[in-house]
C-alpha cells in the first residue's frame, strides 16, 4: 500500500523554508503540468507528503474548502518524522526562537522527541534515529 498525504498551506515559500532550513529536510518542487501551480514533495520513507498552496488547492477543489475555514488548520493531524539527528534542528529552533510544545524522552518507544507546530499549525513530532538509553 502506498500513502500520499496532501496538506494545504498558506504560503508555499514559507513552508519550503521551514522544512528545508529549520528541519534540514530535502524537498522537491514539482510542477504537474503547464499552467498548474507548483507542489512541494517530501519523501517520508515509503510515504509521500505533498504541500499545496491553499489558494490554488481551493480553486481545484472548492467544495472541500467551504467547510475547512470553520476549523483550525491541522486539527487532529500529527506528523511524526524521524531525523538523523535532532542537534542541528534544535539549534535552528533555538536560533529562530521558535516555540516548542515538548522536548522529552519517550520511554515507551525509547527515543528523544521534540514537538512543535509548523508555520501552518500542523503538529510535528520529531525524533532522532537510534535509541536513547
Protein backbone atom coordinates (compact mmCIF):
# COMPACT_ATOMS: atom_id res chain seq x y z
CA UNK A 1 0.00 0.00 0.00
CA UNK A 2 1.23 3.49 -0.87
CA UNK A 3 0.39 6.56 1.17
CA UNK A 4 0.32 10.14 -0.07
CA UNK A 5 -0.76 12.89 2.30
CA UNK A 6 -1.57 16.32 0.82
CA UNK A 7 -1.55 19.37 3.08
CA UNK A 8 -2.87 22.81 2.15
CA UNK A 9 -0.55 25.61 3.27
CA UNK A 10 -0.90 29.38 3.26
CA UNK A 11 2.48 30.14 1.66
CA UNK A 12 4.50 27.53 -0.23
CA UNK A 13 7.74 29.53 0.05
CA UNK A 14 7.41 29.83 3.84
CA UNK A 15 6.65 26.12 4.14
CA UNK A 16 9.63 25.23 1.97
CA UNK A 17 11.94 27.45 4.03
CA UNK A 18 10.74 25.93 7.33
CA UNK A 19 11.11 22.29 6.30
CA UNK A 20 14.42 22.94 4.47
CA UNK A 21 16.14 25.45 6.77
CA UNK A 22 14.79 24.50 10.19
CA UNK A 23 14.23 20.75 9.85
CA UNK A 24 17.04 20.20 7.29
CA UNK A 25 14.81 18.08 5.03
CA UNK A 26 15.15 17.73 1.28
CA UNK A 27 12.04 18.88 -0.54
CA UNK A 28 11.43 18.63 -4.24
CA UNK A 29 9.45 21.29 -6.08
CA UNK A 30 7.15 19.69 -8.63
CA UNK A 31 5.01 21.17 -11.36
CA UNK A 32 2.46 18.63 -12.59
CA UNK A 33 1.70 20.29 -15.92
CA UNK A 34 1.99 23.70 -17.58
CA UNK A 35 -0.45 26.14 -16.02
CA UNK A 36 -0.70 24.18 -12.78
CA UNK A 37 0.72 25.56 -9.53
CA UNK A 38 3.88 24.06 -8.03
CA UNK A 39 3.75 21.42 -5.31
CA UNK A 40 6.35 20.64 -2.68
CA UNK A 41 7.16 16.94 -2.30
CA UNK A 42 8.76 15.34 0.75
CA UNK A 43 9.55 11.63 0.62
CA UNK A 44 8.98 10.13 4.08
CA UNK A 45 10.11 6.53 3.96
CA UNK A 46 7.63 4.79 1.69
CA UNK A 47 5.09 7.62 2.01
CA UNK A 48 4.87 10.93 0.20
CA UNK A 49 3.96 14.25 1.77
CA UNK A 50 2.73 16.94 -0.64
CA UNK A 51 2.27 20.62 0.22
CA UNK A 52 -0.06 22.65 -1.99
CA UNK A 53 -0.75 26.35 -1.62
CA UNK A 54 -4.30 26.66 -0.31
CA UNK A 55 -5.43 29.26 -2.86
CA UNK A 56 -4.53 27.01 -5.75
CA UNK A 57 -5.86 23.94 -3.97
CA UNK A 58 -9.19 25.68 -3.29
CA UNK A 59 -9.52 26.64 -6.96
CA UNK A 60 -9.38 22.95 -7.95
CA UNK A 61 -11.45 21.65 -5.00
CA UNK A 62 -13.85 24.44 -3.89
CA UNK A 63 -16.29 22.12 -2.09
CA UNK A 64 -13.52 20.90 0.20
CA UNK A 65 -12.64 24.42 1.30
CA UNK A 66 -16.20 25.52 2.08
CA UNK A 67 -16.05 23.73 5.44
CA UNK A 68 -12.30 23.92 6.00
CA UNK A 69 -12.42 27.55 7.12
CA UNK A 70 -14.52 26.60 10.18
CA UNK A 71 -11.75 24.51 11.73
CA UNK A 72 -8.20 25.25 12.85
CA UNK A 73 -5.63 24.02 10.35
CA UNK A 74 -4.00 20.75 11.29
CA UNK A 75 -6.63 19.81 13.88
CA UNK A 76 -6.14 16.15 14.71
CA UNK A 77 -3.11 15.68 12.45
CA UNK A 78 0.26 14.75 13.88
CA UNK A 79 3.19 14.27 11.53
CA UNK A 80 5.90 12.14 13.11
CA UNK A 81 9.27 12.46 11.40
CA UNK A 82 12.43 10.58 12.32
CA UNK A 83 15.56 12.61 11.61
CA UNK A 84 19.21 11.53 11.52
CA UNK A 85 19.97 13.94 14.38
CA UNK A 86 17.95 16.41 16.44
CA UNK A 87 21.02 18.52 17.29
CA UNK A 88 21.04 20.77 14.19
CA UNK A 89 17.25 21.11 14.30
CA UNK A 90 17.26 22.10 17.98
CA UNK A 91 19.97 24.69 17.35
CA UNK A 92 17.93 26.17 14.48
CA UNK A 93 14.75 26.20 16.58
CA UNK A 94 16.65 27.99 19.35
CA UNK A 95 18.32 30.45 16.96
CA UNK A 96 14.95 31.39 15.43
CA UNK A 97 13.26 31.43 18.86
CA UNK A 98 10.55 29.04 17.70
CA UNK A 99 8.09 27.76 20.28
CA UNK A 100 8.26 24.06 21.13
CA UNK A 101 5.48 22.25 22.95
CA UNK A 102 7.64 19.47 24.40
CA UNK A 103 11.16 18.21 24.40
CA UNK A 104 11.11 14.83 26.06
CA UNK A 105 12.40 11.31 26.25
CA UNK A 106 9.71 8.86 25.18
CA UNK A 107 10.25 5.83 27.39
CA UNK A 108 7.60 3.78 25.59
CA UNK A 109 9.48 3.88 22.27
CA UNK A 110 12.96 4.62 23.61
CA UNK A 111 13.52 7.82 21.71
CA UNK A 112 14.02 11.53 22.22
CA UNK A 113 11.29 13.79 20.81
CA UNK A 114 10.62 17.45 20.10
CA UNK A 115 7.06 18.63 19.50
CA UNK A 116 6.31 21.86 17.63
CA UNK A 117 3.94 23.33 15.07
CA UNK A 118 4.94 24.16 11.52
CA UNK A 119 4.04 27.60 10.07
CA UNK A 120 0.54 26.37 9.18
CA UNK A 121 -0.23 24.83 12.55
CA UNK A 122 0.42 21.19 11.71
CA UNK A 123 1.76 19.36 14.76
CA UNK A 124 5.20 17.84 14.21
CA UNK A 125 6.74 15.22 16.46
CA UNK A 126 10.41 14.99 15.58
CA UNK A 127 12.51 12.11 16.82
CA UNK A 128 16.09 11.06 16.34
CA UNK A 129 17.24 7.85 14.74
CA UNK A 130 18.61 5.39 17.25
CA UNK A 131 17.57 4.65 20.77
CA UNK A 132 18.03 6.62 23.95
CA UNK A 133 19.28 4.70 26.93
